[in-house]
Every structure is written in C-alpha cells, then in structure tokens.
C-alpha cells in the first residue's frame, strides 16, 4: 500500500544545481513518502545522480533546500548526513577489493560503533564489544542477501552483480532511514534482478524508505510506489507507476516525438 503522501521522510524543495553556465537541475521539487520506494528515472544526463549526490552531501546546492524528517540536511558534510540516517550506493562500485565481503560490510557499520579512538587502539572492552556487534550485524545482513557463503571472499573476486549486493549490504549496515541506490541492478542478470527486487520490497515492509535510480523500467514500474521523472534537469512527471508510464512527456523523453 502506498504510504501517506502527507507524511514525507524527505522533501526536495526547488533544488537547483548550476555548473558554470549549465543548469544540471532547475527548481526540482518532490517529496519521498516515509516507508515508500520512490523511483527516480530519466534519460542519461537528466540530473539523477547529481541530485543523489546533493542529497548525500557530495555536491552543494546552487539554490533550494533538502529536508530529512523535517530537518535541513543540505549544506551538511557527507558524514553528518550519513549519521542522520542516509545510506547510499554509487553508480560506479566503490568496494575495497583487497578486503573480504564481511570486512567491507563491517566498514558500513562504523558510524554506529561505540568506543573512542583510544579505546579502539588499546583494544579496551567496550571497543571489543562494539567490534563483535558490528561483525554479527554484518553477517546477518549477508544472510538476508543470501551471501553468507561469500563472507570470507575478497570483494575483487566477486561477480559484478554480487559486488552490487555487497554495496547495498554495506549501506544498510549504517542502519539508515533513507537508502539511496544509484543503478543497483546494473550488471545483474534477470534472476539476480528479480532477487534484488524481492529484497528491496522486503526492506520497504520493514519501513525503510528507498530512493532508487534505475534504467530497468520493468523493475522500477513493478516495485515503486512513486516515480519521479527528470529530463534535462527539469522534473517532467511525478506520480504512481501506471500514471507515469502513460504520461506523454515521459514517452517523448524516452522515445522522442514523432516528426
């Protein structure tokens, strides 16, 4: 069931991003309902990744504001936004290839660890307890993804699809309220994509809010509660999947108008 639109977790308000004389985004506004999966789609160069970068603090806004749970987060440093409960994956995989799958996921848990730097360096009891908790939580995530058998495998040895899933697990280790996914199904075969859809839908059932960029339209339309469409930095459509798929501006943006 579609979460109530009157209770957004995230609010994008008139967001604009200018690079030199180019407007990558112009006055983009929409709300992401709490507990919903929101698909963010559009042709290449539409501004989708630019927007996610700004939400996660990796790029400044030229104008506008971004709020999470009613609190302004635009302008905060990336680690502070992550600490507020925003996890993300990247279009280009950013795993530590020499570390194991389990170690990569544990790294995502670092903002939740207890203990000071001194306690960690001296291996004091609270630090050791926190490390055990992080390891246990990371293993639990791998089990939920069906990847526990890969826990001790180096990340660089994984298939492309499995590396994507490890990235998601690492983002989830943060314990986010909002998960930003940038083309998570890229490189996956149809079976892997179906499994990813099932997993993301299960996360929604646990009240996690997801904003996902994806070029697999079938995946977006069968999974999303709300779809937002960007084209040349402008929002051209917003609504339920059945509405968006039949919107003339969306069809034109993807297929081109008849001459």
Foldseek 3Di string as FASTA:
>chain_A
DFADQVAFQKWWAQFWDDDPPAILAGGDTDGFRFLFEEEEEFDPSLNPVVVVCQLQANDATPDTFMDGSNHTDGPPHNVVSLLVFEFEADPDQDFDQQAFLLVRLLVLQVSVADDDPVCCVVVPDSNVVSSVVSSVLLLVLCVLLVNNVRRRPGLNPDQPLVSLSSSVSSRCSSVGLEYEYEASCPRPDPVSLVSVLVSVQVVSVVRRGYYYYHPPLVSCLVRGQKYWYGGSNYTDDIDHSVVQVPDPVNCCRVPNDDD
